[in-house]
C-alpha atoms as a PDB file:
ATOM      1  CA  MET A   1     -13.867  23.154  19.546  1.00  0.00           C
ATOM      2  CA  ALA A   2     -12.501  20.126  17.693  1.00  0.00           C
ATOM      3  CA  ARG A   3     -11.160  20.718  14.234  1.00  0.00           C
ATOM      4  CA  ARG A   4     -13.360  19.276  11.500  1.00  0.00           C
ATOM      5  CA  LEU A   5     -10.797  16.917   9.930  1.00  0.00           C
ATOM      6  CA  GLU A   6      -8.767  16.095  13.011  1.00  0.00           C
ATOM      7  CA  GLY A   7      -6.768  12.905  12.484  1.00  0.00           C
ATOM      8  CA  LYS A   8      -7.859  12.440   8.863  1.00  0.00           C
ATOM      9  CA  ILE A   9      -5.532  11.641   5.969  1.00  0.00           C
ATOM     10  CA  ALA A  10      -6.387  13.469   2.744  1.00  0.00           C
ATOM     11  CA  ILE A  11      -5.025  13.003  -0.760  1.00  0.00           C
ATOM     12  CA  VAL A  12      -5.401  16.191  -2.820  1.00  0.00           C
ATOM     13  CA  THR A  13      -4.535  15.901  -6.519  1.00  0.00           C
ATOM     14  CA  GLY A  14      -3.746  19.030  -8.489  1.00  0.00           C
ATOM     15  CA  ALA A  15      -2.266  20.469  -5.301  1.00  0.00           C
ATOM     16  CA  GLY A  16       0.005  22.852  -7.168  1.00  0.00           C
ATOM     17  CA  CYS A  17      -0.860  26.026  -9.030  1.00  0.00           C
ATOM     18  CA  VAL A  18       0.313  27.836 -12.160  1.00  0.00           C
ATOM     19  CA  GLY A  19       1.096  31.023 -10.248  1.00  0.00           C
ATOM     20  CA  PRO A  20       0.920  32.776  -6.880  1.00  0.00           C
ATOM     21  CA  GLY A  21      -2.443  32.987  -5.170  1.00  0.00           C
ATOM     22  CA  TRP A  22      -5.391  30.800  -4.332  1.00  0.00           C
ATOM     23  CA  GLY A  23      -5.907  28.001  -6.812  1.00  0.00           C
ATOM     24  CA  ASN A  24      -8.436  25.316  -5.922  1.00  0.00           C
ATOM     25  CA  GLY A  25      -5.898  22.633  -5.015  1.00  0.00           C
ATOM     26  CA  ARG A  26      -3.622  24.943  -3.044  1.00  0.00           C
ATOM     27  CA  ALA A  27      -6.508  26.365  -1.071  1.00  0.00           C
ATOM     28  CA  THR A  28      -7.862  22.880  -0.367  1.00  0.00           C
ATOM     29  CA  CYS A  29      -4.534  21.723   1.047  1.00  0.00           C
ATOM     30  CA  VAL A  30      -4.293  24.752   3.338  1.00  0.00           C
ATOM     31  CA  ARG A  31      -7.927  24.656   4.444  1.00  0.00           C
ATOM     32  CA  PHE A  32      -7.843  20.931   5.187  1.00  0.00           C
ATOM     33  CA  ALA A  33      -4.630  21.356   7.178  1.00  0.00           C
ATOM     34  CA  GLU A  34      -6.191  24.179   9.171  1.00  0.00           C
ATOM     35  CA  GLU A  35      -8.920  21.728  10.144  1.00  0.00           C
ATOM     36  CA  GLY A  36      -6.494  19.042  11.283  1.00  0.00           C
ATOM     37  CA  ALA A  37      -5.967  16.832   8.223  1.00  0.00           C
ATOM     38  CA  ARG A  38      -2.578  15.501   7.237  1.00  0.00           C
ATOM     39  CA  VAL A  39      -2.310  16.189   3.521  1.00  0.00           C
ATOM     40  CA  PHE A  40      -0.727  14.085   0.783  1.00  0.00           C
ATOM     41  CA  ALA A  41      -0.300  16.721  -1.914  1.00  0.00           C
ATOM     42  CA  VAL A  42      -0.074  15.389  -5.467  1.00  0.00           C
ATOM     43  CA  ASP A  43       0.928  17.204  -8.637  1.00  0.00           C
ATOM     44  CA  LEU A  44       2.917  16.633 -11.806  1.00  0.00           C
ATOM     45  CA  ARG A  45       5.660  19.186 -11.049  1.00  0.00           C
ATOM     46  CA  MET A  46       7.261  20.048  -7.737  1.00  0.00           C
ATOM     47  CA  GLU A  47       7.739  23.742  -8.526  1.00  0.00           C
ATOM     48  CA  THR A  48       3.971  24.261  -8.710  1.00  0.00           C
ATOM     49  CA  MET A  49       3.646  23.069  -5.108  1.00  0.00           C
ATOM     50  CA  THR A  50       6.244  25.323  -3.469  1.00  0.00           C
ATOM     51  CA  GLU A  51       3.731  27.934  -2.363  1.00  0.00           C
ATOM     52  CA  THR A  52       1.231  25.226  -1.417  1.00  0.00           C
ATOM     53  CA  LEU A  53       3.759  23.643   0.938  1.00  0.00           C
ATOM     54  CA  GLU A  54       4.792  26.997   2.404  1.00  0.00           C
ATOM     55  CA  ARG A  55       1.239  28.163   3.059  1.00  0.00           C
ATOM     56  CA  THR A  56       0.211  24.827   4.550  1.00  0.00           C
ATOM     57  CA  ARG A  57       3.179  24.737   6.897  1.00  0.00           C
ATOM     58  CA  GLN A  58       2.541  28.349   7.906  1.00  0.00           C
ATOM     59  CA  VAL A  59      -0.787  27.265   9.412  1.00  0.00           C
ATOM     60  CA  GLY A  60       0.922  24.419  11.247  1.00  0.00           C
ATOM     61  CA  GLY A  61      -0.209  21.723   8.856  1.00  0.00           C
ATOM     62  CA  GLU A  62       1.531  18.478   7.991  1.00  0.00           C
ATOM     63  CA  ILE A  63       1.887  18.026   4.240  1.00  0.00           C
ATOM     64  CA  GLU A  64       3.780  15.526   2.115  1.00  0.00           C
ATOM     65  CA  PRO A  65       4.378  16.363  -1.575  1.00  0.00           C
ATOM     66  CA  TYR A  66       4.307  13.624  -4.196  1.00  0.00           C
ATOM     67  CA  LEU A  67       4.835  13.777  -7.958  1.00  0.00           C
ATOM     68  CA  CYS A  68       2.416  11.742 -10.058  1.00  0.00           C
ATOM     69  CA  ASP A  69       0.880  11.652 -13.509  1.00  0.00           C
ATOM     70  CA  VAL A  70      -2.702  10.842 -12.539  1.00  0.00           C
ATOM     71  CA  THR A  71      -3.534   9.750 -16.087  1.00  0.00           C
ATOM     72  CA  ASP A  72      -1.171   6.784 -15.679  1.00  0.00           C
ATOM     73  CA  ARG A  73      -2.656   3.782 -13.842  1.00  0.00           C
ATOM     74  CA  SER A  74       0.639   2.408 -12.555  1.00  0.00           C
ATOM     75  CA  ALA A  75       1.711   5.835 -11.311  1.00  0.00           C
ATOM     76  CA  VAL A  76      -1.615   6.319  -9.522  1.00  0.00           C
ATOM     77  CA  GLU A  77      -1.391   2.921  -7.852  1.00  0.00           C
ATOM     78  CA  ALA A  78       2.141   3.749  -6.685  1.00  0.00           C
ATOM     79  CA  MET A  79       0.909   7.105  -5.367  1.00  0.00           C
ATOM     80  CA  VAL A  80      -1.835   5.470  -3.291  1.00  0.00           C
ATOM     81  CA  SER A  81       0.663   2.965  -1.879  1.00  0.00           C
ATOM     82  CA  ALA A  82       3.061   5.800  -1.032  1.00  0.00           C
ATOM     83  CA  CYS A  83       0.324   7.652   0.868  1.00  0.00           C
ATOM     84  CA  GLN A  84      -0.502   4.544   2.866  1.00  0.00           C
ATOM     85  CA  GLU A  85       3.161   3.986   3.614  1.00  0.00           C
ATOM     86  CA  ARG A  86       3.635   7.595   4.728  1.00  0.00           C
ATOM     87  CA  PHE A  87       0.458   8.096   6.740  1.00  0.00           C
ATOM     88  CA  GLY A  88      -0.986   4.617   7.251  1.00  0.00           C
ATOM     89  CA  ALA A  89      -4.451   5.345   5.885  1.00  0.00           C
ATOM     90  CA  ILE A  90      -6.556   7.274   3.370  1.00  0.00           C
ATOM     91  CA  ASP A  91      -9.734   8.907   4.652  1.00  0.00           C
ATOM     92  CA  ILE A  92     -10.357  11.569   2.025  1.00  0.00           C
ATOM     93  CA  LEU A  93      -9.653  11.908  -1.700  1.00  0.00           C
ATOM     94  CA  VAL A  94     -10.046  15.236  -3.493  1.00  0.00           C
ATOM     95  CA  ASN A  95      -9.753  14.992  -7.282  1.00  0.00           C
ATOM     96  CA  ASN A  96      -8.828  18.475  -8.418  1.00  0.00           C
ATOM     97  CA  VAL A  97      -6.766  17.851 -11.571  1.00  0.00           C
ATOM     98  CA  GLY A  98      -8.179  19.562 -14.646  1.00  0.00           C
ATOM     99  CA  GLY A  99      -7.790  22.166 -17.342  1.00  0.00           C
ATOM    100  CA  SER A 100      -9.536  23.343 -20.479  1.00  0.00           C
ATOM    101  CA  ALA A 101      -8.710  23.484 -24.170  1.00  0.00           C
ATOM    102  CA  LYS A 102     -10.792  25.572 -26.536  1.00  0.00           C
ATOM    103  CA  GLY A 103     -12.450  24.069 -29.581  1.00  0.00           C
ATOM    104  CA  GLY A 104     -15.911  23.005 -30.691  1.00  0.00           C
ATOM    105  CA  ALA A 105     -17.141  19.705 -32.082  1.00  0.00           C
ATOM    106  CA  ALA A 106     -16.188  20.447 -35.699  1.00  0.00           C
ATOM    107  CA  ALA A 107     -12.858  22.154 -34.956  1.00  0.00           C
ATOM    108  CA  LEU A 108     -11.264  20.260 -32.098  1.00  0.00           C
ATOM    109  CA  GLU A 109      -8.468  17.903 -33.069  1.00  0.00           C
ATOM    110  CA  GLU A 110      -8.971  14.273 -32.089  1.00  0.00           C
ATOM    111  CA  ASP A 111      -5.752  14.125 -30.069  1.00  0.00           C
ATOM    112  CA  VAL A 112      -6.803  17.198 -28.076  1.00  0.00           C
ATOM    113  CA  TRP A 113     -10.158  15.531 -27.340  1.00  0.00           C
ATOM    114  CA  ASP A 114      -8.342  12.423 -26.107  1.00  0.00           C
ATOM    115  CA  ARG A 115      -5.937  14.399 -23.902  1.00  0.00           C
ATOM    116  CA  GLN A 116      -8.767  16.450 -22.419  1.00  0.00           C
ATOM    117  CA  LEU A 117     -10.766  13.372 -21.457  1.00  0.00           C
ATOM    118  CA  ASP A 118      -7.693  11.712 -20.001  1.00  0.00           C
ATOM    119  CA  PHE A 119      -6.682  14.778 -18.012  1.00  0.00           C
ATOM    120  CA  ASN A 120     -10.099  15.778 -16.717  1.00  0.00           C
ATOM    121  CA  LEU A 121     -12.007  12.488 -16.503  1.00  0.00           C
ATOM    122  CA  LYS A 122      -9.713   9.465 -16.669  1.00  0.00           C
ATOM    123  CA  SER A 123      -7.690  10.954 -13.818  1.00  0.00           C
ATOM    124  CA  VAL A 124     -10.792  10.861 -11.618  1.00  0.00           C
ATOM    125  CA  PHE A 125     -11.546   7.271 -12.601  1.00  0.00           C
ATOM    126  CA  LEU A 126      -7.997   6.053 -11.963  1.00  0.00           C
ATOM    127  CA  THR A 127      -7.603   7.684  -8.565  1.00  0.00           C
ATOM    128  CA  CYS A 128     -11.017   6.487  -7.403  1.00  0.00           C
ATOM    129  CA  ARG A 129     -10.285   3.012  -8.753  1.00  0.00           C
ATOM    130  CA  ALA A 130      -7.120   2.859  -6.648  1.00  0.00           C
ATOM    131  CA  VAL A 131      -8.464   4.496  -3.480  1.00  0.00           C
ATOM    132  CA  LEU A 132     -11.904   2.894  -3.210  1.00  0.00           C
ATOM    133  CA  PRO A 133     -10.609  -0.562  -2.159  1.00  0.00           C
ATOM    134  CA  VAL A 134      -8.559   1.107   0.594  1.00  0.00           C
ATOM    135  CA  MET A 135     -11.624   2.916   1.916  1.00  0.00           C
ATOM    136  CA  GLU A 136     -13.813  -0.147   1.473  1.00  0.00           C
ATOM    137  CA  ALA A 137     -11.492  -2.202   3.664  1.00  0.00           C
ATOM    138  CA  LYS A 138     -12.179   0.120   6.609  1.00  0.00           C
ATOM    139  CA  ARG A 139     -15.764   0.850   5.555  1.00  0.00           C
ATOM    140  CA  SER A 140     -15.407   4.617   5.583  1.00  0.00           C
ATOM    141  CA  GLY A 141     -14.205   7.419   3.372  1.00  0.00           C
ATOM    142  CA  ALA A 142     -15.143  10.609   1.573  1.00  0.00           C
ATOM    143  CA  ILE A 143     -14.370  11.424  -2.053  1.00  0.00           C
ATOM    144  CA  VAL A 144     -14.808  14.919  -3.474  1.00  0.00           C
ATOM    145  CA  ASN A 145     -14.487  15.330  -7.238  1.00  0.00           C
ATOM    146  CA  VAL A 146     -14.079  18.805  -8.727  1.00  0.00           C
ATOM    147  CA  SER A 147     -16.148  19.513 -11.832  1.00  0.00           C
ATOM    148  CA  SER A 148     -17.003  22.892 -13.409  1.00  0.00           C
ATOM    149  CA  THR A 149     -20.037  24.928 -14.358  1.00  0.00           C
ATOM    150  CA  SER A 150     -18.940  24.169 -17.924  1.00  0.00           C
ATOM    151  CA  GLY A 151     -20.344  20.713 -17.189  1.00  0.00           C
ATOM    152  CA  LEU A 152     -23.744  22.265 -16.444  1.00  0.00           C
ATOM    153  CA  ARG A 153     -24.126  25.133 -18.903  1.00  0.00           C
ATOM    154  CA  TYR A 154     -22.480  26.734 -21.909  1.00  0.00           C
ATOM    155  CA  THR A 155     -20.181  29.207 -20.180  1.00  0.00           C
ATOM    156  CA  GLY A 156     -19.056  31.360 -23.097  1.00  0.00           C
ATOM    157  CA  SER A 157     -16.337  29.351 -24.814  1.00  0.00           C
ATOM    158  CA  PRO A 158     -16.680  26.333 -27.160  1.00  0.00           C
ATOM    159  CA  GLN A 159     -14.505  23.969 -25.133  1.00  0.00           C
ATOM    160  CA  VAL A 160     -16.501  20.859 -25.921  1.00  0.00           C
ATOM    161  CA  ALA A 161     -14.054  18.243 -24.613  1.00  0.00           C
ATOM    162  CA  TYR A 162     -13.598  20.013 -21.287  1.00  0.00           C
ATOM    163  CA  ALA A 163     -17.340  20.542 -20.888  1.00  0.00           C
ATOM    164  CA  SER A 164     -18.050  16.903 -21.734  1.00  0.00           C
ATOM    165  CA  ALA A 165     -15.480  15.631 -19.249  1.00  0.00           C
ATOM    166  CA  LYS A 166     -16.695  17.899 -16.464  1.00  0.00           C
ATOM    167  CA  ALA A 167     -20.306  16.854 -17.059  1.00  0.00           C
ATOM    168  CA  ALA A 168     -19.208  13.222 -16.931  1.00  0.00           C
ATOM    169  CA  ILE A 169     -17.506  13.757 -13.562  1.00  0.00           C
ATOM    170  CA  ILE A 170     -20.857  14.685 -12.037  1.00  0.00           C
ATOM    171  CA  GLN A 171     -22.519  11.504 -13.255  1.00  0.00           C
ATOM    172  CA  PHE A 172     -19.457   9.397 -12.402  1.00  0.00           C
ATOM    173  CA  SER A 173     -19.754  10.680  -8.836  1.00  0.00           C
ATOM    174  CA  LYS A 174     -23.464   9.855  -8.641  1.00  0.00           C
ATOM    175  CA  VAL A 175     -23.059   6.293  -9.896  1.00  0.00           C
ATOM    176  CA  THR A 176     -20.072   5.661  -7.637  1.00  0.00           C
ATOM    177  CA  ALA A 177     -21.880   7.184  -4.653  1.00  0.00           C
ATOM    178  CA  VAL A 178     -24.788   4.760  -4.994  1.00  0.00           C
ATOM    179  CA  GLU A 179     -22.536   1.737  -5.467  1.00  0.00           C
ATOM    180  CA  PHE A 180     -20.351   2.469  -2.456  1.00  0.00           C
ATOM    181  CA  ALA A 181     -22.872   3.968  -0.031  1.00  0.00           C
ATOM    182  CA  PRO A 182     -23.500   0.580   1.644  1.00  0.00           C
ATOM    183  CA  LYS A 183     -19.760   0.359   2.227  1.00  0.00           C
ATOM    184  CA  GLY A 184     -19.583   3.609   4.198  1.00  0.00           C
ATOM    185  CA  ILE A 185     -18.064   5.722   1.420  1.00  0.00           C
ATOM    186  CA  ARG A 186     -19.534   9.056   0.360  1.00  0.00           C
ATOM    187  CA  VAL A 187     -18.868  10.570  -3.092  1.00  0.00           C
ATOM    188  CA  ASN A 188     -19.815  14.141  -3.968  1.00  0.00           C
ATOM    189  CA  THR A 189     -18.847  16.874  -6.422  1.00  0.00           C
ATOM    190  CA  VAL A 190     -17.890  20.527  -6.109  1.00  0.00           C
ATOM    191  CA  VAL A 191     -18.804  22.573  -9.194  1.00  0.00           C
ATOM    192  CA  PRO A 192     -16.810  25.828  -9.300  1.00  0.00           C
ATOM    193  CA  GLY A 193     -17.784  28.646 -11.618  1.00  0.00           C
ATOM    194  CA  GLN A 194     -15.643  31.479 -12.950  1.00  0.00           C
ATOM    195  CA  LEU A 195     -13.312  32.118 -10.051  1.00  0.00           C
ATOM    196  CA  HIS A 196     -10.346  34.478  -9.821  1.00  0.00           C
ATOM    197  CA  THR A 197      -7.583  31.909  -9.549  1.00  0.00           C
ATOM    198  CA  PRO A 198      -3.979  32.311 -10.793  1.00  0.00           C
ATOM    199  CA  MET A 199      -5.100  30.656 -14.028  1.00  0.00           C
ATOM    200  CA  VAL A 200      -6.730  33.978 -15.028  1.00  0.00           C
ATOM    201  CA  GLU A 201      -3.457  35.891 -15.206  1.00  0.00           C
ATOM    202  CA  THR A 202      -1.199  33.103 -16.422  1.00  0.00           C
ATOM    203  CA  ARG A 203      -3.335  31.497 -19.098  1.00  0.00           C
ATOM    204  CA  LEU A 204      -6.915  32.630 -19.657  1.00  0.00           C
ATOM    205  CA  ALA A 205      -6.241  36.318 -20.277  1.00  0.00           C
ATOM    206  CA  GLY A 206      -3.951  35.430 -23.154  1.00  0.00           C
ATOM    207  CA  GLN A 207      -6.411  32.929 -24.594  1.00  0.00           C
ATOM    208  CA  ARG A 208      -9.548  35.044 -24.354  1.00  0.00           C
ATOM    209  CA  ALA A 209      -8.713  38.732 -23.911  1.00  0.00           C
ATOM    210  CA  ALA A 210      -5.471  39.314 -25.835  1.00  0.00           C
ATOM    211  CA  GLY A 211      -3.608  39.425 -22.533  1.00  0.00           C
ATOM    212  CA  ASP A 212      -5.864  42.089 -20.987  1.00  0.00           C
ATOM    213  CA  VAL A 213      -6.430  40.718 -17.463  1.00  0.00           C
ATOM    214  CA  ASP A 214      -8.658  43.611 -16.364  1.00  0.00           C
ATOM    215  CA  ALA A 215     -10.935  43.167 -19.381  1.00  0.00           C
ATOM    216  CA  LEU A 216     -11.277  39.469 -18.750  1.00  0.00           C
ATOM    217  CA  LEU A 217     -12.023  39.976 -15.059  1.00  0.00           C
ATOM    218  CA  ALA A 218     -14.648  42.601 -15.860  1.00  0.00           C
ATOM    219  CA  SER A 219     -16.374  40.353 -18.386  1.00  0.00           C
ATOM    220  CA  ARG A 220     -16.483  37.488 -15.898  1.00  0.00           C
ATOM    221  CA  VAL A 221     -17.824  39.616 -13.048  1.00  0.00           C
ATOM    222  CA  ARG A 222     -20.661  40.917 -15.271  1.00  0.00           C
ATOM    223  CA  ARG A 223     -22.001  37.361 -15.502  1.00  0.00           C
ATOM    224  CA  ILE A 224     -22.130  36.784 -11.740  1.00  0.00           C
ATOM    225  CA  PRO A 225     -25.287  37.885  -9.880  1.00  0.00           C
ATOM    226  CA  LEU A 226     -23.362  38.473  -6.647  1.00  0.00           C
ATOM    227  CA  GLY A 227     -21.241  40.997  -8.550  1.00  0.00           C
ATOM    228  CA  TRP A 228     -17.823  39.714  -7.526  1.00  0.00           C
ATOM    229  CA  MET A 229     -15.632  36.659  -8.057  1.00  0.00           C
ATOM    230  CA  GLY A 230     -14.655  34.107  -5.491  1.00  0.00           C
ATOM    231  CA  ASP A 231     -11.376  32.210  -5.585  1.00  0.00           C
ATOM    232  CA  GLY A 232      -9.965  28.816  -4.717  1.00  0.00           C
ATOM    233  CA  ARG A 233     -10.796  29.274  -1.046  1.00  0.00           C
ATOM    234  CA  ASP A 234     -14.483  29.088  -1.895  1.00  0.00           C
ATOM    235  CA  THR A 235     -13.979  25.775  -3.671  1.00  0.00           C
ATOM    236  CA  ALA A 236     -11.922  24.575  -0.702  1.00  0.00           C
ATOM    237  CA  ASN A 237     -14.630  25.444   1.803  1.00  0.00           C
ATOM    238  CA  ALA A 238     -17.211  23.488  -0.166  1.00  0.00           C
ATOM    239  CA  ALA A 239     -14.831  20.518  -0.382  1.00  0.00           C
ATOM    240  CA  LEU A 240     -14.163  20.804   3.346  1.00  0.00           C
ATOM    241  CA  PHE A 241     -17.857  20.493   4.166  1.00  0.00           C
ATOM    242  CA  LEU A 242     -18.312  17.490   1.887  1.00  0.00           C
ATOM    243  CA  ALA A 243     -15.215  15.772   3.295  1.00  0.00           C
ATOM    244  CA  SER A 244     -16.164  16.386   6.916  1.00  0.00           C
ATOM    245  CA  ASP A 245     -18.526  14.505   9.210  1.00  0.00           C
ATOM    246  CA  GLU A 246     -20.894  17.477   8.961  1.00  0.00           C
ATOM    247  CA  ALA A 247     -21.828  15.989   5.571  1.00  0.00           C
ATOM    248  CA  ARG A 248     -22.270  12.472   6.979  1.00  0.00           C
ATOM    249  CA  PHE A 249     -25.731  12.194   5.355  1.00  0.00           C
ATOM    250  CA  VAL A 250     -24.704  13.792   2.041  1.00  0.00           C
ATOM    251  CA  THR A 251     -23.687  11.683  -0.932  1.00  0.00           C
ATOM    252  CA  GLY A 252     -24.225  11.618  -4.676  1.00  0.00           C
ATOM    253  CA  THR A 253     -24.825  15.330  -5.014  1.00  0.00           C
ATOM    254  CA  GLU A 254     -23.121  18.613  -5.933  1.00  0.00           C
ATOM    255  CA  ILE A 255     -22.347  21.988  -4.448  1.00  0.00           C
ATOM    256  CA  VAL A 256     -22.213  24.714  -7.107  1.00  0.00           C
ATOM    257  CA  VAL A 257     -19.789  27.504  -6.197  1.00  0.00           C
ATOM    258  CA  ASP A 258     -20.375  30.228  -8.781  1.00  0.00           C
ATOM    259  CA  GLY A 259     -22.062  33.268  -7.221  1.00  0.00           C
ATOM    260  CA  GLY A 260     -25.312  32.393  -8.983  1.00  0.00           C
ATOM    261  CA  MET A 261     -23.862  32.499 -12.507  1.00  0.00           C
ATOM    262  CA  SER A 262     -25.251  29.159 -13.710  1.00  0.00           C
ATOM    263  CA  VAL A 263     -28.850  29.932 -12.739  1.00  0.00           C
ATOM    264  CA  ARG A 264     -29.076  33.187 -14.694  1.00  0.00           C
ATOM    265  CA  CYS A 265     -30.677  33.375 -18.119  1.00  0.00           C
ATOM    266  CA  ASP A 266     -28.466  36.001 -19.795  1.00  0.00           C
END
């Protein structure tokens, strides 16, 4: 059986991870490589991609790391040119850069608001802005933007800038999907919920549970109807479907990956 992304070139931003394990970007790189894609892995720091590169090469994948600040237009344009120079094409773009900062509308500092929108939303705009003309020239391409259930519902923490940016990604994808559908380009969104990624141990436990990882995990699992947490591999599998030809008639929509959390009332 042919692999689902055989011969495709995929840019994955946020390809690194804050710790060992299955973050969304790392898992996407590995899963895409397993299905035949050559991966242009983008992150801000090389050390975050070490495990990503190792795991991808272990499955026989071809992966090229590249350092880029995806909130900087010139850097993004250089990144897209570097991918074309290395692989000769761009078939798939996965926008996975993101991260939250706590704070509600009356408490959040203005500079934090600005940084959150740049990091979570402007990064998506800039990468799409640079990649879309490349895809348009060959009249084909698939873009997968990664949002969050915080963009759909209040998920337990007043992180208003993050939630606003993630909600905007969903609508950005819809508008862009309609505009570029006649040009053979599909644009969709994956909406992960509360997954067990390395972010839990390295950052969230300290922010929300006084460093108690087990307490944080238990509180998150209680909110999920399936009764367990997925991880970055679940996000990656959704992105894989949307990037593949199996989703050839799918554009301008979302796949929510949250074990049913966002459809529950309590």
